[in-house]
Amino acid sequence: LLDYEAHALSCAIATAQASGAQVGSSDAAPSLDDGGATGVAAYEFDWTAPLPALEAPFDVVLASDVLYDKAQVPLIANVVCSLLGVNEHPSTGGTRRLLLADRASGTARTPFVEKLKESGAAVVVRPFDSPLVVADDSASDVVLVEATWNL
């Protein structure tokens, strides 16, 4: 888990623990041998800073509410590509994916999608349709950005 705000990370870790995930120390990179897909660690992170020591590349990156500043778009796209190993390991084979939830009215999404396409991704943007939202139609305010790289 990466976030600029410590409080957001605390909430995310609490959610992970409540879901039964193993929560590791942010002092060391999470190991696939110590929790694998169910293990998580949290790091305070600024898009302009170097990535913490993680066992990248990852097969999937999940993101939400990160496209609110057009000036950050190139930085965010670079971090996503680094986490997925798109630029560093282009011949490793396999598929890498980004699933990103964004506000439907978001203005930074278009340049972000263009950056992803420049890196070789196939990108689909579609309305987020969730059976979990029943009380209101707030899901209609969200779109899902799906990017796929075939390495």
Protein backbone atom coordinates (compact mmCIF):
# COMPACT_ATOMS: atom_id res chain seq x y z
CA LEU A 1 0.00 0.00 0.00
CA LEU A 2 1.37 3.40 -0.99
CA ASP A 3 -0.08 6.73 0.06
CA TYR A 4 1.11 10.24 0.83
CA GLU A 5 -1.14 10.50 3.89
CA ALA A 6 -0.26 8.45 6.99
CA HIS A 7 -3.90 8.44 8.14
CA ALA A 8 -5.06 6.94 4.85
CA LEU A 9 -2.48 4.17 5.26
CA SER A 10 -3.69 3.47 8.79
CA CYS A 11 -7.24 3.08 7.51
CA ALA A 12 -6.09 0.84 4.64
CA ILE A 13 -4.06 -1.38 7.00
CA ALA A 14 -7.04 -1.67 9.35
CA THR A 15 -9.21 -2.73 6.40
CA ALA A 16 -6.59 -5.28 5.29
CA GLN A 17 -6.41 -6.72 8.81
CA ALA A 18 -10.21 -6.91 9.06
CA SER A 19 -10.20 -8.79 5.75
CA GLY A 20 -7.77 -11.36 7.12
CA ALA A 21 -4.67 -10.23 5.23
CA GLN A 22 -1.27 -10.67 6.81
CA VAL A 23 0.13 -7.23 7.56
CA GLY A 24 3.91 -6.94 7.40
CA SER A 25 6.35 -4.28 8.49
CA SER A 26 6.93 -1.35 6.17
CA ASP A 27 10.61 -1.55 7.16
CA ALA A 28 11.14 -4.42 4.73
CA ALA A 29 9.69 -5.35 1.40
CA PRO A 30 6.80 -7.81 1.57
CA SER A 31 7.97 -11.27 0.59
CA LEU A 32 5.96 -13.67 -1.51
CA ASP A 33 7.15 -16.38 0.89
CA ASP A 34 5.68 -14.52 3.87
CA GLY A 35 2.09 -14.00 2.82
CA GLY A 36 2.14 -13.79 -0.94
CA ALA A 37 -1.08 -12.46 -2.40
CA THR A 38 -2.61 -12.09 1.07
CA GLY A 39 0.29 -10.13 2.57
CA VAL A 40 0.41 -6.34 2.63
CA ALA A 41 2.72 -3.63 3.90
CA ALA A 42 2.19 0.12 3.94
CA TYR A 43 4.58 2.88 2.90
CA GLU A 44 4.21 6.64 3.03
CA PHE A 45 4.95 7.69 -0.53
CA ASP A 46 5.31 10.81 -2.62
CA TRP A 47 5.03 10.39 -6.43
CA THR A 48 8.22 12.43 -6.85
CA ALA A 49 10.27 10.16 -4.54
CA PRO A 50 12.05 6.93 -5.46
CA LEU A 51 9.98 3.80 -4.90
CA PRO A 52 10.55 1.99 -1.61
CA ALA A 53 12.35 -1.35 -1.86
CA LEU A 54 9.60 -3.64 -3.13
CA GLU A 55 9.72 -7.04 -4.75
CA ALA A 56 8.61 -5.70 -8.11
CA PRO A 57 7.53 -6.39 -10.72
CA PHE A 58 3.97 -7.07 -9.70
CA ASP A 59 1.33 -8.64 -11.94
CA VAL A 60 -1.43 -6.21 -10.93
CA VAL A 61 -1.57 -2.66 -9.55
CA LEU A 62 -4.80 -1.43 -7.95
CA ALA A 63 -5.31 2.31 -7.56
CA SER A 64 -8.07 4.68 -6.56
CA ASP A 65 -8.39 8.45 -6.31
CA VAL A 66 -4.90 9.24 -7.61
CA LEU A 67 -5.70 11.27 -10.74
CA TYR A 68 -6.59 14.64 -9.31
CA ASP A 69 -3.63 16.74 -10.52
CA LYS A 70 -2.65 16.85 -14.21
CA ALA A 71 0.89 17.84 -13.24
CA GLN A 72 1.28 14.49 -11.44
CA VAL A 73 0.18 12.37 -14.44
CA PRO A 74 3.68 11.59 -15.80
CA LEU A 75 4.92 10.74 -12.31
CA ILE A 76 1.98 8.43 -11.59
CA ALA A 77 2.31 6.71 -14.96
CA ASN A 78 6.04 6.15 -14.33
CA VAL A 79 5.38 4.65 -10.89
CA VAL A 80 2.71 2.32 -12.30
CA CYS A 81 5.06 1.17 -15.06
CA SER A 82 7.87 0.66 -12.54
CA LEU A 83 5.67 -1.37 -10.20
CA LEU A 84 4.59 -3.55 -13.12
CA GLY A 85 8.11 -3.80 -14.54
CA VAL A 86 6.89 -2.60 -17.93
CA ASN A 87 9.96 -0.51 -18.71
CA GLU A 88 12.57 -2.48 -16.77
CA HIS A 89 11.59 -6.03 -17.76
CA PRO A 90 9.90 -5.73 -21.15
CA SER A 91 10.88 -9.22 -22.34
CA THR A 92 9.92 -11.24 -19.26
CA GLY A 93 6.68 -12.38 -20.84
CA GLY A 94 3.29 -12.52 -19.21
CA THR A 95 0.60 -9.95 -18.70
CA ARG A 96 0.59 -6.96 -16.36
CA ARG A 97 -2.57 -5.05 -15.40
CA LEU A 98 -3.61 -1.79 -13.84
CA LEU A 99 -7.12 -1.38 -12.43
CA LEU A 100 -7.77 2.21 -11.44
CA ALA A 101 -10.96 3.79 -10.11
CA ASP A 102 -11.39 7.46 -10.98
CA ARG A 103 -14.08 10.12 -10.71
CA ALA A 104 -16.13 10.23 -13.89
CA SER A 105 -15.57 14.00 -14.01
CA GLY A 106 -11.80 13.66 -13.56
CA THR A 107 -9.80 15.89 -15.91
CA ALA A 108 -6.42 14.16 -15.47
CA ARG A 109 -7.62 10.79 -16.78
CA THR A 110 -7.25 11.56 -20.51
CA PRO A 111 -3.55 12.53 -20.32
CA PHE A 112 -2.95 9.58 -17.97
CA VAL A 113 -4.51 7.15 -20.46
CA GLU A 114 -2.33 8.62 -23.22
CA LYS A 115 0.80 8.05 -21.09
CA LEU A 116 -0.24 4.44 -20.51
CA LYS A 117 -0.78 3.91 -24.24
CA GLU A 118 2.65 5.41 -24.94
CA SER A 119 4.12 2.73 -22.65
CA GLY A 120 2.48 -0.01 -24.72
CA ALA A 121 -0.71 -0.60 -22.76
CA ALA A 122 -4.09 -1.45 -24.19
CA VAL A 123 -6.50 0.74 -22.23
CA VAL A 124 -10.25 0.53 -21.68
CA VAL A 125 -12.22 3.12 -19.69
CA ARG A 126 -15.72 2.12 -18.66
CA PRO A 127 -18.34 3.08 -16.09
CA PHE A 128 -17.88 1.31 -12.77
CA ASP A 129 -20.84 -0.96 -12.17
CA SER A 130 -20.94 -2.48 -8.69
CA PRO A 131 -23.69 -4.56 -7.12
CA LEU A 132 -22.32 -3.43 -3.75
CA VAL A 133 -23.68 0.11 -4.10
CA VAL A 134 -27.39 0.04 -3.36
CA ALA A 135 -28.29 3.09 -1.27
CA ASP A 136 -27.46 5.71 -3.88
CA ASP A 137 -26.03 5.97 -7.35
CA SER A 138 -22.56 7.15 -6.31
CA ALA A 139 -21.05 4.36 -8.41
CA SER A 140 -22.19 6.22 -11.53
CA ASP A 141 -19.70 8.92 -10.57
CA VAL A 142 -16.83 6.44 -10.94
CA VAL A 143 -15.12 4.96 -13.98
CA LEU A 144 -12.73 2.04 -14.13
CA VAL A 145 -9.51 2.37 -16.10
CA GLU A 146 -8.22 -1.04 -17.17
CA ALA A 147 -4.75 -1.11 -18.69
CA THR A 148 -3.06 -4.29 -19.91
CA TRP A 149 0.51 -4.85 -21.04
CA ASN A 150 1.42 -8.10 -22.81
CA LEU A 151 5.15 -8.45 -22.26
